[in-house]
């Protein structure tokens, strides 16, 4: 960690830094051991440490901030599916497949453990590839061997069956499911009819 390096470079102990900065020794120890993150400390604490070490405040937190990348927020799966369908409609089949494969978004989603989204996107690529007689990209064969543990139906179908206290709509949806999606335990039968 940068603070430990600075202390070694300046031949200063944590105790001495605490005395010269006025920051409690436990805080200094927590920062050095990564129990506390310096960029999360108050501006006053960072200022005092920087002044005692004769460095800028920015230089103290710079290394930590380089490691910080905000995590994307995961939305609803239904919204994600709708977004993908609209993307296909807006870009067209071929451009959608090219952009998706070149961005490696399937792998990124899978590595993030957003399996439903990764499988849905890959299923869409495979479906469009079949529809347009495009060879299947082999980069995701390891992912193609996976599937969701439970079958995922469209929310509208689940609500309809719940309201009618039946499973008729789920059965009908399953019978008309697109094979590329069903392979991942995602029941999807209409991806082209978006407004």
Protein backbone atom coordinates (compact mmCIF):
# COMPACT_ATOMS: atom_id res chain seq x y z
CA UNK A 1 0.00 0.00 0.00
CA UNK A 2 1.18 3.50 -0.76
CA UNK A 3 1.07 4.74 2.87
CA UNK A 4 3.29 1.88 4.02
CA UNK A 5 5.74 2.69 1.19
CA UNK A 6 5.80 6.35 2.20
CA UNK A 7 6.44 5.49 5.83
CA UNK A 8 9.33 3.23 4.82
CA UNK A 9 10.73 5.85 2.45
CA UNK A 10 10.57 8.57 5.10
CA UNK A 11 11.81 6.18 7.81
CA UNK A 12 8.80 7.06 9.91
CA UNK A 13 6.87 4.78 12.23
CA UNK A 14 3.10 4.66 12.42
CA UNK A 15 3.37 5.97 15.96
CA UNK A 16 5.42 9.00 14.84
CA UNK A 17 3.01 9.68 11.95
CA UNK A 18 0.17 9.59 14.45
CA UNK A 19 1.93 12.08 16.76
CA UNK A 20 2.93 14.47 13.95
CA UNK A 21 -0.42 14.35 12.16
CA UNK A 22 -2.75 14.22 15.15
CA UNK A 23 -4.54 11.24 13.57
CA UNK A 24 -5.14 8.40 16.05
CA UNK A 25 -2.60 5.59 15.77
CA UNK A 26 -5.39 3.03 15.39
CA UNK A 27 -6.60 4.87 12.28
CA UNK A 28 -3.07 4.86 10.81
CA UNK A 29 -2.72 1.14 11.57
CA UNK A 30 -6.13 0.40 10.03
CA UNK A 31 -5.19 2.28 6.85
CA UNK A 32 -1.83 0.52 6.58
CA UNK A 33 -3.38 -2.91 7.12
CA UNK A 34 -6.22 -2.13 4.67
CA UNK A 35 -8.81 -2.53 7.38
CA UNK A 36 -9.77 1.04 6.48
CA UNK A 37 -9.45 2.60 3.04
CA UNK A 38 -7.69 5.96 2.95
CA UNK A 39 -9.94 7.32 0.21
CA UNK A 40 -12.91 6.74 2.53
CA UNK A 41 -11.34 8.82 5.33
CA UNK A 42 -12.42 12.40 5.98
CA UNK A 43 -10.68 15.16 4.06
CA UNK A 44 -9.29 16.40 7.39
CA UNK A 45 -7.64 13.03 8.12
CA UNK A 46 -6.15 12.81 4.63
CA UNK A 47 -4.94 16.41 4.90
CA UNK A 48 -3.24 15.81 8.26
CA UNK A 49 -1.49 12.64 7.05
CA UNK A 50 -0.40 14.32 3.80
CA UNK A 51 0.94 17.36 5.66
CA UNK A 52 2.91 15.21 8.14
CA UNK A 53 4.42 13.21 5.25
CA UNK A 54 5.00 16.33 3.12
CA UNK A 55 3.03 14.97 0.16
CA UNK A 56 -0.14 16.09 -1.61
CA UNK A 57 -3.53 14.77 -0.55
CA UNK A 58 -4.07 13.55 -4.10
CA UNK A 59 -0.91 11.47 -4.06
CA UNK A 60 -2.13 9.67 -0.93
CA UNK A 61 -5.36 8.50 -2.52
CA UNK A 62 -4.26 8.32 -6.16
CA UNK A 63 -3.15 4.68 -6.09
CA UNK A 64 -6.30 3.58 -4.28
CA UNK A 65 -8.54 5.44 -6.71
CA UNK A 66 -6.86 3.77 -9.70
CA UNK A 67 -8.00 0.42 -8.32
CA UNK A 68 -11.54 1.68 -7.82
CA UNK A 69 -13.97 0.99 -10.61
CA UNK A 70 -17.62 1.46 -9.85
CA UNK A 71 -19.59 -1.76 -10.17
CA UNK A 72 -22.43 -1.69 -12.64
CA UNK A 73 -25.86 -1.87 -11.13
CA UNK A 74 -27.91 -4.91 -12.04
CA UNK A 75 -31.42 -4.17 -13.19
CA UNK A 76 -34.38 -6.46 -13.68
CA UNK A 77 -33.97 -9.40 -16.06
CA UNK A 78 -37.20 -8.43 -17.86
CA UNK A 79 -35.82 -4.96 -18.56
CA UNK A 80 -32.54 -6.49 -19.77
CA UNK A 81 -34.39 -8.83 -22.17
CA UNK A 82 -36.41 -5.92 -23.54
CA UNK A 83 -33.24 -3.86 -24.03
CA UNK A 84 -31.57 -6.65 -25.99
CA UNK A 85 -34.63 -7.09 -28.22
CA UNK A 86 -34.74 -3.35 -28.90
CA UNK A 87 -31.03 -3.35 -29.66
CA UNK A 88 -31.54 -6.07 -32.26
CA UNK A 89 -34.39 -4.09 -33.81
CA UNK A 90 -32.39 -0.84 -33.85
CA UNK A 91 -29.08 -2.24 -35.14
CA UNK A 92 -30.31 -5.01 -37.38
CA UNK A 93 -29.35 -8.66 -37.12
CA UNK A 94 -25.86 -8.62 -38.60
CA UNK A 95 -24.63 -5.47 -36.85
CA UNK A 96 -26.04 -6.75 -33.55
CA UNK A 97 -24.12 -10.02 -33.85
CA UNK A 98 -20.90 -8.27 -34.92
CA UNK A 99 -21.09 -5.68 -32.13
CA UNK A 100 -21.96 -8.25 -29.46
CA UNK A 101 -19.15 -10.61 -30.45
CA UNK A 102 -16.53 -7.87 -30.84
CA UNK A 103 -17.40 -6.32 -27.46
CA UNK A 104 -17.17 -9.74 -25.74
CA UNK A 105 -20.15 -8.69 -23.60
CA UNK A 106 -21.26 -12.31 -23.20
CA UNK A 107 -17.98 -13.20 -21.46
CA UNK A 108 -18.04 -10.01 -19.40
CA UNK A 109 -21.55 -10.78 -18.11
CA UNK A 110 -20.65 -14.40 -17.44
CA UNK A 111 -17.50 -13.46 -15.53
CA UNK A 112 -19.55 -11.01 -13.48
CA UNK A 113 -21.77 -14.01 -12.66
CA UNK A 114 -24.78 -12.42 -14.28
CA UNK A 115 -25.63 -15.79 -15.78
CA UNK A 116 -29.20 -15.10 -16.89
CA UNK A 117 -28.08 -12.03 -18.85
CA UNK A 118 -25.05 -13.81 -20.34
CA UNK A 119 -27.16 -16.78 -21.42
CA UNK A 120 -29.88 -14.56 -22.85
CA UNK A 121 -27.41 -12.53 -24.90
CA UNK A 122 -25.64 -15.65 -26.18
CA UNK A 123 -28.98 -17.26 -27.00
CA UNK A 124 -29.93 -14.16 -28.97
CA UNK A 125 -26.64 -14.27 -30.92
CA UNK A 126 -27.09 -17.98 -31.65
CA UNK A 127 -30.74 -17.51 -32.64
CA UNK A 128 -29.95 -14.64 -35.01
CA UNK A 129 -27.00 -16.60 -36.42
CA UNK A 130 -29.30 -19.53 -37.20
CA UNK A 131 -31.94 -17.26 -38.71
CA UNK A 132 -29.35 -15.60 -40.99
CA UNK A 133 -27.30 -18.73 -41.81
CA UNK A 134 -24.24 -17.30 -40.03
CA UNK A 135 -21.77 -19.83 -38.57
CA UNK A 136 -21.91 -20.06 -34.77
CA UNK A 137 -18.98 -18.37 -33.02
CA UNK A 138 -17.05 -21.01 -31.05
CA UNK A 139 -15.66 -18.56 -28.47
CA UNK A 140 -18.46 -19.35 -26.04
CA UNK A 141 -18.71 -23.13 -26.25
CA UNK A 142 -17.81 -23.40 -22.55
CA UNK A 143 -20.74 -21.13 -21.69
CA UNK A 144 -23.06 -23.01 -24.05
CA UNK A 145 -22.59 -26.10 -21.88
CA UNK A 146 -24.13 -24.27 -18.86
CA UNK A 147 -27.72 -23.48 -18.00
CA UNK A 148 -29.76 -21.78 -15.31
CA UNK A 149 -30.77 -24.13 -12.48
CA UNK A 150 -34.46 -23.25 -12.83
CA UNK A 151 -36.62 -22.52 -15.84
CA UNK A 152 -37.26 -18.81 -16.33
CA UNK A 153 -40.56 -17.85 -17.94
CA UNK A 154 -41.51 -14.35 -19.09
CA UNK A 155 -42.94 -12.37 -16.18
CA UNK A 156 -46.16 -11.69 -18.10
CA UNK A 157 -46.78 -15.43 -18.48
CA UNK A 158 -46.11 -16.06 -14.79
CA UNK A 159 -48.50 -13.26 -13.80
CA UNK A 160 -51.21 -14.49 -16.14
CA UNK A 161 -51.00 -18.04 -14.79
CA UNK A 162 -50.94 -16.77 -11.20
CA UNK A 163 -53.99 -14.61 -11.78
CA UNK A 164 -55.89 -17.49 -13.41
CA UNK A 165 -54.48 -20.09 -11.00
CA UNK A 166 -53.37 -22.32 -13.85
CA UNK A 167 -50.25 -23.33 -15.75
CA UNK A 168 -51.78 -23.28 -19.23
CA UNK A 169 -49.83 -20.24 -20.40
CA UNK A 170 -46.49 -21.62 -19.16
CA UNK A 171 -47.15 -24.89 -21.03
CA UNK A 172 -48.09 -23.01 -24.20
CA UNK A 173 -45.04 -20.78 -23.89
CA UNK A 174 -42.80 -23.83 -23.37
CA UNK A 175 -44.24 -25.53 -26.48
CA UNK A 176 -43.40 -22.48 -28.61
CA UNK A 177 -40.02 -21.72 -27.01
CA UNK A 178 -37.06 -20.78 -29.19
CA UNK A 179 -34.53 -23.63 -28.86
CA UNK A 180 -31.48 -21.38 -28.45
CA UNK A 181 -33.03 -19.83 -25.33
CA UNK A 182 -34.57 -23.03 -23.98
CA UNK A 183 -31.12 -24.64 -24.01
CA UNK A 184 -30.25 -22.23 -21.15
CA UNK A 185 -33.60 -22.82 -19.33
CA UNK A 186 -34.95 -19.50 -20.57
CA UNK A 187 -38.40 -19.75 -22.11
CA UNK A 188 -38.66 -17.15 -24.85
CA UNK A 189 -40.92 -17.33 -27.86
CA UNK A 190 -41.06 -13.81 -29.25
CA UNK A 191 -38.00 -11.62 -29.62
CA UNK A 192 -38.95 -9.76 -32.79
CA UNK A 193 -42.24 -8.19 -31.74
CA UNK A 194 -41.02 -5.07 -29.91
CA UNK A 195 -42.44 -1.57 -30.15
